[in-house]
Amino acid sequence: MKLVILDRDGVINKELKWVENPDEFEFIDGAIEAIANFKKAGYITAIATNQSHIDRGRFTVADLDAIHDKMLKELRANGGDIDKIVYCPSFDNMIRLFIARALIITILVVNQIRECY
């Protein structure tokens, strides 16, 4: 299994102070093509992102879903896709660090198990 895990803000989309609605989401030049190339090469493609503004009350999970829906629609229209999006809504840096490490460890373990079969 080939796997790529991408951050979102500043990696595939232009980083603003806050991306709070779909209209503010804009891909970085070349990001759509890069993700499409990962998919063509057989990679499972995932995004792991911190979205602390949910915990801060700046927007809701439904707002985040709308942003991701726009992102996925544009990717799919151009030959790309994201297989899984995971996010940490916590404002607490220690919780965010713990969740990020737990997600990475889980993905690595699953990858190792699949390679055994």
N, C-alpha and C. Protein backbone atom coordinates (compact mmCIF):
# COMPACT_ATOMS: atom_id res chain seq x y z
N MET A 1 0.84 -1.18 0.00
CA MET A 1 0.00 0.00 0.00
C MET A 1 0.89 1.24 0.00
N LYS A 2 0.60 2.16 -0.89
CA LYS A 2 1.30 3.44 -0.92
C LYS A 2 0.35 4.49 -0.35
N LEU A 3 0.88 5.31 0.53
CA LEU A 3 0.06 6.28 1.25
C LEU A 3 0.77 7.62 1.30
N VAL A 4 0.03 8.70 1.06
CA VAL A 4 0.54 10.04 1.25
C VAL A 4 -0.44 10.77 2.16
N ILE A 5 0.10 11.44 3.18
CA ILE A 5 -0.71 12.23 4.11
C ILE A 5 -0.28 13.68 3.97
N LEU A 6 -1.23 14.51 3.64
CA LEU A 6 -0.95 15.93 3.41
C LEU A 6 -1.60 16.77 4.51
N ASP A 7 -0.95 17.85 4.87
CA ASP A 7 -1.60 18.88 5.66
C ASP A 7 -2.47 19.67 4.69
N ARG A 8 -3.36 20.49 5.18
CA ARG A 8 -4.22 21.25 4.28
C ARG A 8 -3.75 22.69 4.13
N ASP A 9 -3.92 23.49 5.16
CA ASP A 9 -3.65 24.93 5.06
C ASP A 9 -2.17 25.21 4.85
N GLY A 10 -1.86 25.87 3.75
CA GLY A 10 -0.49 26.21 3.43
C GLY A 10 0.24 25.13 2.66
N VAL A 11 -0.39 23.97 2.50
CA VAL A 11 0.22 22.87 1.75
C VAL A 11 -0.53 22.65 0.44
N ILE A 12 -1.85 22.48 0.51
CA ILE A 12 -2.61 22.35 -0.74
C ILE A 12 -3.46 23.58 -1.03
N ASN A 13 -3.76 24.37 0.00
CA ASN A 13 -4.51 25.60 -0.24
C ASN A 13 -3.75 26.79 0.31
N LYS A 14 -4.05 27.95 -0.25
CA LYS A 14 -3.42 29.19 0.22
C LYS A 14 -3.82 29.41 1.67
N GLU A 15 -2.81 29.69 2.47
CA GLU A 15 -3.06 29.85 3.90
C GLU A 15 -3.49 31.29 4.20
N LEU A 16 -4.65 31.39 4.77
CA LEU A 16 -5.16 32.66 5.28
C LEU A 16 -5.12 32.55 6.80
N LYS A 17 -5.42 33.63 7.48
CA LYS A 17 -5.49 33.52 8.94
C LYS A 17 -6.53 32.46 9.30
N TRP A 18 -7.68 32.52 8.65
CA TRP A 18 -8.73 31.52 8.84
C TRP A 18 -9.40 31.28 7.50
N VAL A 19 -9.59 30.03 7.12
CA VAL A 19 -10.44 29.68 5.98
C VAL A 19 -11.76 29.28 6.61
N GLU A 20 -12.72 30.19 6.60
CA GLU A 20 -13.97 30.00 7.35
C GLU A 20 -15.15 29.62 6.49
N ASN A 21 -15.02 29.70 5.16
CA ASN A 21 -16.13 29.31 4.29
C ASN A 21 -15.56 28.87 2.95
N PRO A 22 -16.36 28.17 2.17
CA PRO A 22 -15.87 27.63 0.89
C PRO A 22 -15.32 28.69 -0.06
N ASP A 23 -15.86 29.89 -0.03
CA ASP A 23 -15.39 30.94 -0.94
C ASP A 23 -13.94 31.35 -0.65
N GLU A 24 -13.47 31.12 0.57
CA GLU A 24 -12.11 31.49 0.94
C GLU A 24 -11.08 30.41 0.62
N PHE A 25 -11.55 29.22 0.26
CA PHE A 25 -10.64 28.11 -0.04
C PHE A 25 -10.13 28.26 -1.46
N GLU A 26 -8.80 28.32 -1.61
CA GLU A 26 -8.19 28.42 -2.93
C GLU A 26 -6.94 27.55 -2.98
N PHE A 27 -6.87 26.65 -3.94
CA PHE A 27 -5.72 25.77 -4.07
C PHE A 27 -4.46 26.55 -4.40
N ILE A 28 -3.34 26.08 -3.88
CA ILE A 28 -2.03 26.58 -4.27
C ILE A 28 -1.76 26.06 -5.68
N ASP A 29 -1.08 26.86 -6.49
CA ASP A 29 -0.74 26.44 -7.86
C ASP A 29 -0.03 25.10 -7.83
N GLY A 30 -0.51 24.16 -8.65
CA GLY A 30 0.10 22.85 -8.77
C GLY A 30 -0.43 21.80 -7.81
N ALA A 31 -1.20 22.20 -6.81
CA ALA A 31 -1.68 21.23 -5.81
C ALA A 31 -2.66 20.23 -6.41
N ILE A 32 -3.58 20.70 -7.23
CA ILE A 32 -4.56 19.79 -7.82
C ILE A 32 -3.86 18.74 -8.69
N GLU A 33 -2.93 19.20 -9.50
CA GLU A 33 -2.19 18.29 -10.38
C GLU A 33 -1.37 17.28 -9.56
N ALA A 34 -0.75 17.75 -8.48
CA ALA A 34 0.05 16.85 -7.64
C ALA A 34 -0.82 15.77 -7.01
N ILE A 35 -1.99 16.15 -6.51
CA ILE A 35 -2.88 15.17 -5.90
C ILE A 35 -3.39 14.19 -6.96
N ALA A 36 -3.73 14.70 -8.13
CA ALA A 36 -4.16 13.81 -9.23
C ALA A 36 -3.04 12.83 -9.60
N ASN A 37 -1.81 13.29 -9.58
CA ASN A 37 -0.68 12.41 -9.90
C ASN A 37 -0.49 11.34 -8.82
N PHE A 38 -0.69 11.69 -7.56
CA PHE A 38 -0.63 10.68 -6.49
C PHE A 38 -1.67 9.59 -6.75
N LYS A 39 -2.89 10.00 -7.08
CA LYS A 39 -3.96 9.03 -7.33
C LYS A 39 -3.64 8.15 -8.54
N LYS A 40 -3.14 8.76 -9.61
CA LYS A 40 -2.77 7.99 -10.81
C LYS A 40 -1.66 6.98 -10.52
N ALA A 41 -0.80 7.31 -9.57
CA ALA A 41 0.32 6.43 -9.21
C ALA A 41 -0.10 5.37 -8.19
N GLY A 42 -1.39 5.37 -7.81
CA GLY A 42 -1.90 4.33 -6.92
C GLY A 42 -1.79 4.63 -5.43
N TYR A 43 -1.55 5.87 -5.07
CA TYR A 43 -1.46 6.23 -3.66
C TYR A 43 -2.83 6.39 -3.02
N ILE A 44 -2.97 5.93 -1.80
CA ILE A 44 -4.08 6.33 -0.94
C ILE A 44 -3.71 7.72 -0.47
N THR A 45 -4.61 8.66 -0.62
CA THR A 45 -4.31 10.06 -0.34
C THR A 45 -5.19 10.55 0.80
N ALA A 46 -4.55 11.10 1.82
CA ALA A 46 -5.27 11.56 3.01
C ALA A 46 -4.84 12.97 3.38
N ILE A 47 -5.71 13.66 4.08
CA ILE A 47 -5.40 14.96 4.65
C ILE A 47 -5.57 14.84 6.16
N ALA A 48 -4.57 15.31 6.90
CA ALA A 48 -4.65 15.43 8.36
C ALA A 48 -4.43 16.90 8.67
N THR A 49 -5.41 17.53 9.30
CA THR A 49 -5.37 18.97 9.46
C THR A 49 -5.86 19.41 10.84
N ASN A 50 -5.22 20.43 11.37
CA ASN A 50 -5.70 21.05 12.61
C ASN A 50 -6.73 22.11 12.23
N GLN A 51 -7.87 22.06 12.88
CA GLN A 51 -8.94 23.04 12.64
C GLN A 51 -9.44 23.56 13.98
N SER A 52 -8.55 24.23 14.70
CA SER A 52 -8.84 24.68 16.06
C SER A 52 -9.94 25.72 16.13
N HIS A 53 -10.27 26.34 15.02
CA HIS A 53 -11.32 27.36 15.05
C HIS A 53 -12.70 26.75 15.32
N ILE A 54 -12.83 25.44 15.20
CA ILE A 54 -14.08 24.80 15.62
C ILE A 54 -14.20 24.92 17.15
N ASP A 55 -13.13 24.55 17.86
CA ASP A 55 -13.11 24.64 19.32
C ASP A 55 -13.22 26.10 19.78
N ARG A 56 -12.70 27.01 18.99
CA ARG A 56 -12.75 28.44 19.34
C ARG A 56 -14.11 29.06 19.06
N GLY A 57 -14.99 28.31 18.36
CA GLY A 57 -16.32 28.83 18.05
C GLY A 57 -16.36 29.72 16.83
N ARG A 58 -15.31 29.73 16.04
CA ARG A 58 -15.28 30.59 14.84
C ARG A 58 -16.15 30.04 13.73
N PHE A 59 -16.26 28.68 13.66
CA PHE A 59 -17.20 28.04 12.75
C PHE A 59 -17.47 26.62 13.21
N THR A 60 -18.37 25.94 12.50
CA THR A 60 -18.86 24.63 12.93
C THR A 60 -18.29 23.51 12.06
N VAL A 61 -18.53 22.29 12.47
CA VAL A 61 -18.15 21.12 11.67
C VAL A 61 -18.86 21.18 10.31
N ALA A 62 -20.11 21.62 10.30
CA ALA A 62 -20.84 21.75 9.03
C ALA A 62 -20.15 22.74 8.10
N ASP A 63 -19.62 23.82 8.66
CA ASP A 63 -18.86 24.79 7.84
C ASP A 63 -17.61 24.14 7.26
N LEU A 64 -16.91 23.36 8.09
CA LEU A 64 -15.71 22.66 7.63
C LEU A 64 -16.06 21.66 6.53
N ASP A 65 -17.16 20.94 6.72
CA ASP A 65 -17.61 19.98 5.70
C ASP A 65 -17.89 20.68 4.37
N ALA A 66 -18.47 21.88 4.43
CA ALA A 66 -18.76 22.63 3.20
C ALA A 66 -17.47 23.02 2.49
N ILE A 67 -16.45 23.41 3.25
CA ILE A 67 -15.15 23.74 2.66
C ILE A 67 -14.56 22.51 1.99
N HIS A 68 -14.61 21.38 2.70
CA HIS A 68 -14.05 20.15 2.14
C HIS A 68 -14.86 19.65 0.94
N ASP A 69 -16.17 19.84 0.96
CA ASP A 69 -16.98 19.46 -0.20
C ASP A 69 -16.54 20.23 -1.45
N LYS A 70 -16.31 21.53 -1.30
CA LYS A 70 -15.84 22.34 -2.43
C LYS A 70 -14.47 21.83 -2.90
N MET A 71 -13.58 21.57 -1.96
CA MET A 71 -12.24 21.09 -2.28
C MET A 71 -12.31 19.78 -3.06
N LEU A 72 -13.11 18.83 -2.55
CA LEU A 72 -13.23 17.52 -3.20
C LEU A 72 -13.86 17.62 -4.59
N LYS A 73 -14.85 18.47 -4.73
CA LYS A 73 -15.51 18.65 -6.02
C LYS A 73 -14.50 19.13 -7.07
N GLU A 74 -13.69 20.09 -6.70
CA GLU A 74 -12.70 20.62 -7.64
C GLU A 74 -11.62 19.58 -7.95
N LEU A 75 -11.18 18.86 -6.92
CA LEU A 75 -10.19 17.80 -7.15
C LEU A 75 -10.73 16.74 -8.10
N ARG A 76 -11.94 16.26 -7.82
CA ARG A 76 -12.52 15.18 -8.63
C ARG A 76 -12.77 15.61 -10.07
N ALA A 77 -13.08 16.88 -10.26
CA ALA A 77 -13.29 17.38 -11.62
C ALA A 77 -11.99 17.43 -12.42
N ASN A 78 -10.87 17.32 -11.70
CA ASN A 78 -9.56 17.41 -12.35
C ASN A 78 -8.71 16.15 -12.15
N GLY A 79 -9.37 15.01 -11.90
CA GLY A 79 -8.66 13.74 -11.83
C GLY A 79 -8.03 13.41 -10.49
N GLY A 80 -8.30 14.19 -9.48
CA GLY A 80 -7.76 13.93 -8.15
C GLY A 80 -8.83 13.49 -7.19
N ASP A 81 -8.44 13.11 -6.01
CA ASP A 81 -9.39 12.75 -4.95
C ASP A 81 -8.62 12.62 -3.64
N ILE A 82 -9.34 12.70 -2.57
CA ILE A 82 -8.81 12.47 -1.23
C ILE A 82 -9.61 11.31 -0.66
N ASP A 83 -8.91 10.27 -0.21
CA ASP A 83 -9.58 9.08 0.32
C ASP A 83 -10.08 9.29 1.74
N LYS A 84 -9.36 10.09 2.51
CA LYS A 84 -9.75 10.28 3.91
C LYS A 84 -9.29 11.65 4.38
N ILE A 85 -10.17 12.36 5.08
CA ILE A 85 -9.82 13.63 5.70
C ILE A 85 -10.04 13.46 7.20
N VAL A 86 -8.99 13.72 7.97
CA VAL A 86 -9.11 13.71 9.43
C VAL A 86 -8.70 15.08 9.93
N TYR A 87 -9.36 15.53 10.99
CA TYR A 87 -9.04 16.85 11.53
C TYR A 87 -9.12 16.81 13.05
N CYS A 88 -8.36 17.71 13.65
CA CYS A 88 -8.41 17.90 15.09
C CYS A 88 -9.04 19.25 15.36
N PRO A 89 -10.20 19.29 16.01
CA PRO A 89 -10.87 20.56 16.25
C PRO A 89 -10.40 21.28 17.52
N SER A 90 -9.47 20.70 18.26
CA SER A 90 -9.10 21.24 19.57
C SER A 90 -8.22 22.48 19.45
N PHE A 91 -8.40 23.39 20.38
CA PHE A 91 -7.59 24.59 20.49
C PHE A 91 -6.35 24.31 21.35
N ASP A 92 -6.43 23.30 22.20
CA ASP A 92 -5.35 22.97 23.13
C ASP A 92 -4.18 22.33 22.37
N ASN A 93 -3.01 22.95 22.41
CA ASN A 93 -1.85 22.45 21.65
C ASN A 93 -1.43 21.05 22.06
N MET A 94 -1.51 20.71 23.33
CA MET A 94 -1.11 19.37 23.77
C MET A 94 -2.07 18.31 23.21
N ILE A 95 -3.36 18.60 23.20
CA ILE A 95 -4.33 17.66 22.63
C ILE A 95 -4.08 17.52 21.14
N ARG A 96 -3.83 18.63 20.45
CA ARG A 96 -3.57 18.58 19.02
C ARG A 96 -2.33 17.75 18.72
N LEU A 97 -1.28 17.93 19.49
CA LEU A 97 -0.06 17.16 19.29
C LEU A 97 -0.31 15.67 19.52
N PHE A 98 -1.03 15.34 20.59
CA PHE A 98 -1.34 13.94 20.89
C PHE A 98 -2.15 13.31 19.76
N ILE A 99 -3.19 13.99 19.31
CA ILE A 99 -4.05 13.45 18.25
C ILE A 99 -3.25 13.28 16.96
N ALA A 100 -2.45 14.26 16.60
CA ALA A 100 -1.67 14.16 15.37
C ALA A 100 -0.73 12.96 15.43
N ARG A 101 -0.04 12.78 16.54
CA ARG A 101 0.87 11.64 16.66
C ARG A 101 0.09 10.33 16.65
N ALA A 102 -1.04 10.28 17.33
CA ALA A 102 -1.84 9.05 17.35
C ALA A 102 -2.32 8.69 15.95
N LEU A 103 -2.74 9.67 15.17
CA LEU A 103 -3.18 9.40 13.80
C LEU A 103 -2.05 8.86 12.94
N ILE A 104 -0.89 9.45 13.04
CA ILE A 104 0.25 9.00 12.25
C ILE A 104 0.65 7.59 12.64
N ILE A 105 0.72 7.32 13.95
CA ILE A 105 1.08 5.97 14.42
C ILE A 105 0.06 4.95 13.93
N THR A 106 -1.22 5.27 14.02
CA THR A 106 -2.28 4.36 13.58
C THR A 106 -2.13 4.05 12.10
N ILE A 107 -1.91 5.07 11.30
CA ILE A 107 -1.76 4.86 9.86
C ILE A 107 -0.54 4.01 9.56
N LEU A 108 0.57 4.26 10.25
CA LEU A 108 1.77 3.46 10.03
C LEU A 108 1.57 2.00 10.41
N VAL A 109 0.88 1.76 11.52
CA VAL A 109 0.61 0.38 11.95
C VAL A 109 -0.28 -0.33 10.94
N VAL A 110 -1.33 0.32 10.49
CA VAL A 110 -2.22 -0.27 9.49
C VAL A 110 -1.44 -0.60 8.23
N ASN A 111 -0.57 0.30 7.82
CA ASN A 111 0.24 0.08 6.63
C ASN A 111 1.14 -1.15 6.81
N GLN A 112 1.76 -1.30 7.96
CA GLN A 112 2.62 -2.44 8.22
C GLN A 112 1.82 -3.75 8.21
N ILE A 113 0.64 -3.74 8.79
CA ILE A 113 -0.20 -4.95 8.82
C ILE A 113 -0.58 -5.34 7.40
N ARG A 114 -0.98 -4.40 6.59
CA ARG A 114 -1.39 -4.70 5.21
C ARG A 114 -0.23 -5.24 4.39
N GLU A 115 0.99 -4.76 4.64
CA GLU A 115 2.15 -5.25 3.89
C GLU A 115 2.46 -6.70 4.24
N CYS A 116 1.99 -7.20 5.38
CA CYS A 116 2.26 -8.59 5.78
C CYS A 116 1.37 -9.58 5.04
N TYR A 117 0.31 -9.12 4.40
CA TYR A 117 -0.63 -10.03 3.75
C TYR A 117 -0.60 -9.94 2.26
